[in-house]
């Protein structure tokens, strides 16, 4: 979706059922839109909580991948 344009990173399912997302973008707005979406998740998901941590740093990713 266009609102996530420019986001790079990865998402993966952990053995305990947690979904881990690492995302980075030059602009903050797409990351905030992604974070808002994570609070509801897809229709088949049951989101119990979201723990977000913001960090500044160099670009670690190119593109977005699902592990």
PDB file of N, CA and C in Angstrom:
ATOM      1  N   UNK A   1       0.842  -1.183   0.000  1.00  0.00           N
ATOM      2  CA  UNK A   1       0.000   0.000   0.000  1.00  0.00           C
ATOM      3  C   UNK A   1       0.883   1.241   0.000  1.00  0.00           C
ATOM      4  N   UNK A   2       0.390   2.297  -0.588  1.00  0.00           N
ATOM      5  CA  UNK A   2       1.175   3.510  -0.733  1.00  0.00           C
ATOM      6  C   UNK A   2       1.590   4.106   0.611  1.00  0.00           C
ATOM      7  N   UNK A   3       0.750   3.929   1.640  1.00  0.00           N
ATOM      8  CA  UNK A   3       1.091   4.537   2.933  1.00  0.00           C
ATOM      9  C   UNK A   3       2.322   3.895   3.571  1.00  0.00           C
ATOM     10  N   UNK A   4       2.711   2.713   3.079  1.00  0.00           N
ATOM     11  CA  UNK A   4       3.903   2.035   3.599  1.00  0.00           C
ATOM     12  C   UNK A   4       5.095   2.193   2.663  1.00  0.00           C
ATOM     13  N   UNK A   5       4.975   3.042   1.665  1.00  0.00           N
ATOM     14  CA  UNK A   5       6.034   3.243   0.693  1.00  0.00           C
ATOM     15  C   UNK A   5       7.303   3.714   1.379  1.00  0.00           C
ATOM     16  N   UNK A   6       8.411   3.108   1.016  1.00  0.00           N
ATOM     17  CA  UNK A   6       9.701   3.498   1.567  1.00  0.00           C
ATOM     18  C   UNK A   6      10.120   2.709   2.798  1.00  0.00           C
ATOM     19  N   UNK A   7       9.255   1.829   3.299  1.00  0.00           N
ATOM     20  CA  UNK A   7       9.605   1.027   4.474  1.00  0.00           C
ATOM     21  C   UNK A   7      10.423  -0.183   4.033  1.00  0.00           C
ATOM     22  N   UNK A   8      11.512  -0.391   4.706  1.00  0.00           N
ATOM     23  CA  UNK A   8      12.338  -1.581   4.530  1.00  0.00           C
ATOM     24  C   UNK A   8      12.363  -2.335   5.845  1.00  0.00           C
ATOM     25  N   UNK A   9      12.622  -3.633   5.795  1.00  0.00           N
ATOM     26  CA  UNK A   9      12.727  -4.397   7.029  1.00  0.00           C
ATOM     27  C   UNK A   9      12.355  -5.843   6.842  1.00  0.00           C
ATOM     28  N   UNK A  10      11.851  -6.450   7.922  1.00  0.00           N
ATOM     29  CA  UNK A  10      11.464  -7.852   7.875  1.00  0.00           C
ATOM     30  C   UNK A  10      10.388  -8.129   8.902  1.00  0.00           C
ATOM     31  N   UNK A  11       9.680  -9.221   8.686  1.00  0.00           N
ATOM     32  CA  UNK A  11       8.684  -9.716   9.637  1.00  0.00           C
ATOM     33  C   UNK A  11       8.886 -11.218   9.749  1.00  0.00           C
ATOM     34  N   UNK A  12       8.724 -11.740  10.961  1.00  0.00           N
ATOM     35  CA  UNK A  12       8.847 -13.187  11.140  1.00  0.00           C
ATOM     36  C   UNK A  12       7.993 -13.645  12.303  1.00  0.00           C
ATOM     37  N   UNK A  13       7.497 -14.871  12.191  1.00  0.00           N
ATOM     38  CA  UNK A  13       6.740 -15.509  13.258  1.00  0.00           C
ATOM     39  C   UNK A  13       7.708 -16.246  14.167  1.00  0.00           C
ATOM     40  N   UNK A  14       7.606 -16.024  15.465  1.00  0.00           N
ATOM     41  CA  UNK A  14       8.460 -16.703  16.435  1.00  0.00           C
ATOM     42  C   UNK A  14       7.735 -17.930  16.978  1.00  0.00           C
ATOM     43  N   UNK A  15       8.470 -18.895  17.503  1.00  0.00           N
ATOM     44  CA  UNK A  15       7.865 -20.146  17.986  1.00  0.00           C
ATOM     45  C   UNK A  15       6.760 -19.956  19.033  1.00  0.00           C
ATOM     46  N   UNK A  16       6.812 -18.886  19.823  1.00  0.00           N
ATOM     47  CA  UNK A  16       5.807 -18.674  20.872  1.00  0.00           C
ATOM     48  C   UNK A  16       4.536 -17.986  20.356  1.00  0.00           C
ATOM     49  N   UNK A  17       4.447 -17.768  19.026  1.00  0.00           N
ATOM     50  CA  UNK A  17       3.272 -17.122  18.447  1.00  0.00           C
ATOM     51  C   UNK A  17       3.414 -15.623  18.277  1.00  0.00           C
ATOM     52  N   UNK A  18       4.491 -15.064  18.784  1.00  0.00           N
ATOM     53  CA  UNK A  18       4.768 -13.645  18.635  1.00  0.00           C
ATOM     54  C   UNK A  18       5.175 -13.354  17.194  1.00  0.00           C
ATOM     55  N   UNK A  19       4.790 -12.213  16.693  1.00  0.00           N
ATOM     56  CA  UNK A  19       5.233 -11.758  15.381  1.00  0.00           C
ATOM     57  C   UNK A  19       6.206 -10.612  15.615  1.00  0.00           C
ATOM     58  N   UNK A  20       7.395 -10.756  15.070  1.00  0.00           N
ATOM     59  CA  UNK A  20       8.428  -9.729  15.227  1.00  0.00           C
ATOM     60  C   UNK A  20       8.571  -8.957  13.921  1.00  0.00           C
ATOM     61  N   UNK A  21       8.519  -7.645  14.017  1.00  0.00           N
ATOM     62  CA  UNK A  21       8.657  -6.778  12.851  1.00  0.00           C
ATOM     63  C   UNK A  21       9.802  -5.807  13.112  1.00  0.00           C
ATOM     64  N   UNK A  22      10.723  -5.728  12.187  1.00  0.00           N
ATOM     65  CA  UNK A  22      11.750  -4.699  12.199  1.00  0.00           C
ATOM     66  C   UNK A  22      11.513  -3.871  10.953  1.00  0.00           C
ATOM     67  N   UNK A  23      11.305  -2.577  11.118  1.00  0.00           N
ATOM     68  CA  UNK A  23      11.004  -1.718   9.979  1.00  0.00           C
ATOM     69  C   UNK A  23      11.764  -0.411  10.102  1.00  0.00           C
ATOM     70  N   UNK A  24      12.200   0.095   8.963  1.00  0.00           N
ATOM     71  CA  UNK A  24      12.914   1.364   8.941  1.00  0.00           C
ATOM     72  C   UNK A  24      12.481   2.159   7.720  1.00  0.00           C
ATOM     73  N   UNK A  25      12.532   3.459   7.853  1.00  0.00           N
ATOM     74  CA  UNK A  25      12.104   4.350   6.770  1.00  0.00           C
ATOM     75  C   UNK A  25      12.721   5.720   7.007  1.00  0.00           C
ATOM     76  N   UNK A  26      13.001   6.432   5.941  1.00  0.00           N
ATOM     77  CA  UNK A  26      13.547   7.786   6.070  1.00  0.00           C
ATOM     78  C   UNK A  26      12.519   8.737   6.675  1.00  0.00           C
ATOM     79  N   UNK A  27      11.241   8.449   6.493  1.00  0.00           N
ATOM     80  CA  UNK A  27      10.158   9.279   7.028  1.00  0.00           C
ATOM     81  C   UNK A  27       9.459   8.538   8.167  1.00  0.00           C
ATOM     82  N   UNK A  28       8.996   9.243   9.162  1.00  0.00           N
ATOM     83  CA  UNK A  28       8.339   8.624  10.311  1.00  0.00           C
ATOM     84  C   UNK A  28       6.880   8.237  10.034  1.00  0.00           C
ATOM     85  N   UNK A  29       6.181   8.999   9.201  1.00  0.00           N
ATOM     86  CA  UNK A  29       4.750   8.772   8.960  1.00  0.00           C
ATOM     87  C   UNK A  29       4.423   7.360   8.471  1.00  0.00           C
ATOM     88  N   UNK A  30       5.158   6.789   7.511  1.00  0.00           N
ATOM     89  CA  UNK A  30       4.840   5.419   7.103  1.00  0.00           C
ATOM     90  C   UNK A  30       5.021   4.409   8.238  1.00  0.00           C
ATOM     91  N   UNK A  31       6.003   4.635   9.093  1.00  0.00           N
ATOM     92  CA  UNK A  31       6.219   3.731  10.231  1.00  0.00           C
ATOM     93  C   UNK A  31       5.072   3.847  11.232  1.00  0.00           C
ATOM     94  N   UNK A  32       4.578   5.057  11.450  1.00  0.00           N
ATOM     95  CA  UNK A  32       3.443   5.240  12.358  1.00  0.00           C
ATOM     96  C   UNK A  32       2.184   4.586  11.801  1.00  0.00           C
ATOM     97  N   UNK A  33       1.983   4.639  10.479  1.00  0.00           N
ATOM     98  CA  UNK A  33       0.833   3.979   9.848  1.00  0.00           C
ATOM     99  C   UNK A  33       0.937   2.462  10.004  1.00  0.00           C
ATOM    100  N   UNK A  34       2.134   1.929   9.806  1.00  0.00           N
ATOM    101  CA  UNK A  34       2.351   0.489   9.979  1.00  0.00           C
ATOM    102  C   UNK A  34       2.091   0.085  11.425  1.00  0.00           C
ATOM    103  N   UNK A  35       2.583   0.852  12.360  1.00  0.00           N
ATOM    104  CA  UNK A  35       2.381   0.554  13.780  1.00  0.00           C
ATOM    105  C   UNK A  35       0.895   0.580  14.138  1.00  0.00           C
ATOM    106  N   UNK A  36       0.159   1.542  13.628  1.00  0.00           N
ATOM    107  CA  UNK A  36      -1.280   1.617  13.889  1.00  0.00           C
ATOM    108  C   UNK A  36      -1.983   0.373  13.353  1.00  0.00           C
ATOM    109  N   UNK A  37      -1.588  -0.080  12.177  1.00  0.00           N
ATOM    110  CA  UNK A  37      -2.175  -1.276  11.564  1.00  0.00           C
ATOM    111  C   UNK A  37      -1.877  -2.522  12.396  1.00  0.00           C
ATOM    112  N   UNK A  38      -0.715  -2.558  13.020  1.00  0.00           N
ATOM    113  CA  UNK A  38      -0.340  -3.730  13.821  1.00  0.00           C
ATOM    114  C   UNK A  38      -1.231  -3.897  15.054  1.00  0.00           C
ATOM    115  N   UNK A  39      -1.828  -2.843  15.531  1.00  0.00           N
ATOM    116  CA  UNK A  39      -2.702  -2.950  16.703  1.00  0.00           C
ATOM    117  C   UNK A  39      -3.979  -3.723  16.405  1.00  0.00           C
ATOM    118  N   UNK A  40      -4.399  -3.769  15.142  1.00  0.00           N
ATOM    119  CA  UNK A  40      -5.589  -4.539  14.773  1.00  0.00           C
ATOM    120  C   UNK A  40      -5.212  -5.824  14.069  1.00  0.00           C
ATOM    121  N   UNK A  41      -4.174  -5.798  13.265  1.00  0.00           N
ATOM    122  CA  UNK A  41      -3.732  -6.984  12.550  1.00  0.00           C
ATOM    123  C   UNK A  41      -4.708  -7.392  11.465  1.00  0.00           C
ATOM    124  N   UNK A  42      -4.402  -8.473  10.757  1.00  0.00           N
ATOM    125  CA  UNK A  42      -5.319  -8.970   9.737  1.00  0.00           C
ATOM    126  C   UNK A  42      -6.574  -9.569  10.368  1.00  0.00           C
ATOM    127  N   UNK A  43      -7.602  -9.789   9.560  1.00  0.00           N
ATOM    128  CA  UNK A  43      -8.895 -10.236  10.096  1.00  0.00           C
ATOM    129  C   UNK A  43      -8.821 -11.559  10.855  1.00  0.00           C
ATOM    130  N   UNK A  44      -7.925 -12.451  10.502  1.00  0.00           N
ATOM    131  CA  UNK A  44      -7.825 -13.751  11.172  1.00  0.00           C
ATOM    132  C   UNK A  44      -6.923 -13.715  12.410  1.00  0.00           C
ATOM    133  N   UNK A  45      -6.331 -12.572  12.697  1.00  0.00           N
ATOM    134  CA  UNK A  45      -5.388 -12.472  13.816  1.00  0.00           C
ATOM    135  C   UNK A  45      -6.078 -12.024  15.094  1.00  0.00           C
ATOM    136  N   UNK A  46      -5.452 -12.377  16.204  1.00  0.00           N
ATOM    137  CA  UNK A  46      -5.887 -11.879  17.510  1.00  0.00           C
ATOM    138  C   UNK A  46      -4.683 -11.178  18.134  1.00  0.00           C
ATOM    139  N   UNK A  47      -4.699  -9.853  18.110  1.00  0.00           N
ATOM    140  CA  UNK A  47      -3.593  -9.061  18.643  1.00  0.00           C
ATOM    141  C   UNK A  47      -3.850  -8.815  20.119  1.00  0.00           C
ATOM    142  N   UNK A  48      -2.948  -9.298  20.967  1.00  0.00           N
ATOM    143  CA  UNK A  48      -3.078  -9.101  22.414  1.00  0.00           C
ATOM    144  C   UNK A  48      -2.345  -7.854  22.877  1.00  0.00           C
ATOM    145  N   UNK A  49      -1.200  -7.579  22.283  1.00  0.00           N
ATOM    146  CA  UNK A  49      -0.443  -6.387  22.650  1.00  0.00           C
ATOM    147  C   UNK A  49       0.580  -6.084  21.563  1.00  0.00           C
ATOM    148  N   UNK A  50       1.038  -4.843  21.559  1.00  0.00           N
ATOM    149  CA  UNK A  50       2.080  -4.401  20.639  1.00  0.00           C
ATOM    150  C   UNK A  50       3.129  -3.684  21.469  1.00  0.00           C
ATOM    151  N   UNK A  51       4.364  -4.105  21.344  1.00  0.00           N
ATOM    152  CA  UNK A  51       5.479  -3.475  22.039  1.00  0.00           C
ATOM    153  C   UNK A  51       6.348  -2.816  20.979  1.00  0.00           C
ATOM    154  N   UNK A  52       6.392  -1.508  20.942  1.00  0.00           N
ATOM    155  CA  UNK A  52       7.164  -0.789  19.928  1.00  0.00           C
ATOM    156  C   UNK A  52       8.374  -0.126  20.565  1.00  0.00           C
ATOM    157  N   UNK A  53       9.473  -0.195  19.857  1.00  0.00           N
ATOM    158  CA  UNK A  53      10.699   0.470  20.268  1.00  0.00           C
ATOM    159  C   UNK A  53      11.223   1.252  19.077  1.00  0.00           C
ATOM    160  N   UNK A  54      11.490   2.522  19.293  1.00  0.00           N
ATOM    161  CA  UNK A  54      11.995   3.382  18.225  1.00  0.00           C
ATOM    162  C   UNK A  54      13.489   3.580  18.400  1.00  0.00           C
ATOM    163  N   UNK A  55      14.230   3.423  17.309  1.00  0.00           N
ATOM    164  CA  UNK A  55      15.683   3.617  17.336  1.00  0.00           C
ATOM    165  C   UNK A  55      16.101   4.394  16.103  1.00  0.00           C
ATOM    166  N   UNK A  56      17.128   5.186  16.245  1.00  0.00           N
ATOM    167  CA  UNK A  56      17.762   5.809  15.084  1.00  0.00           C
ATOM    168  C   UNK A  56      18.988   4.991  14.758  1.00  0.00           C
ATOM    169  N   UNK A  57      19.273   4.902  13.491  1.00  0.00           N
ATOM    170  CA  UNK A  57      20.463   4.159  13.116  1.00  0.00           C
ATOM    171  C   UNK A  57      20.606   4.072  11.617  1.00  0.00           C
ATOM    172  N   UNK A  58      21.672   3.455  11.192  1.00  0.00           N
ATOM    173  CA  UNK A  58      21.899   3.327   9.756  1.00  0.00           C
ATOM    174  C   UNK A  58      20.903   2.354   9.134  1.00  0.00           C
ATOM    175  N   UNK A  59      20.704   2.488   7.844  1.00  0.00           N
ATOM    176  CA  UNK A  59      19.831   1.573   7.113  1.00  0.00           C
ATOM    177  C   UNK A  59      20.381   0.163   7.157  1.00  0.00           C
ATOM    178  N   UNK A  60      19.633  -0.736   7.756  1.00  0.00           N
ATOM    179  CA  UNK A  60      20.059  -2.121   7.901  1.00  0.00           C
ATOM    180  C   UNK A  60      19.487  -2.992   6.783  1.00  0.00           C
ATOM    181  N   UNK A  61      18.370  -2.559   6.189  1.00  0.00           N
ATOM    182  CA  UNK A  61      17.668  -3.373   5.211  1.00  0.00           C
ATOM    183  C   UNK A  61      17.536  -2.672   3.874  1.00  0.00           C
ATOM    184  N   UNK A  62      17.443  -3.477   2.831  1.00  0.00           N
ATOM    185  CA  UNK A  62      17.045  -3.009   1.506  1.00  0.00           C
ATOM    186  C   UNK A  62      15.879  -3.888   1.100  1.00  0.00           C
ATOM    187  N   UNK A  63      14.729  -3.298   0.928  1.00  0.00           N
ATOM    188  CA  UNK A  63      13.526  -4.077   0.641  1.00  0.00           C
ATOM    189  C   UNK A  63      12.874  -4.567   1.919  1.00  0.00           C
ATOM    190  N   UNK A  64      11.858  -5.391   1.726  1.00  0.00           N
ATOM    191  CA  UNK A  64      11.124  -5.942   2.868  1.00  0.00           C
ATOM    192  C   UNK A  64      10.975  -7.426   2.658  1.00  0.00           C
ATOM    193  N   UNK A  65      11.254  -8.214   3.683  1.00  0.00           N
ATOM    194  CA  UNK A  65      11.185  -9.670   3.513  1.00  0.00           C
ATOM    195  C   UNK A  65      10.382 -10.306   4.645  1.00  0.00           C
ATOM    196  N   UNK A  66       9.822 -11.457   4.362  1.00  0.00           N
ATOM    197  CA  UNK A  66       9.115 -12.264   5.331  1.00  0.00           C
ATOM    198  C   UNK A  66       9.953 -13.496   5.589  1.00  0.00           C
ATOM    199  N   UNK A  67      10.384 -13.674   6.818  1.00  0.00           N
ATOM    200  CA  UNK A  67      11.225 -14.843   7.187  1.00  0.00           C
ATOM    201  C   UNK A  67      10.368 -15.942   7.763  1.00  0.00           C
TER     202      UNK A  67
END
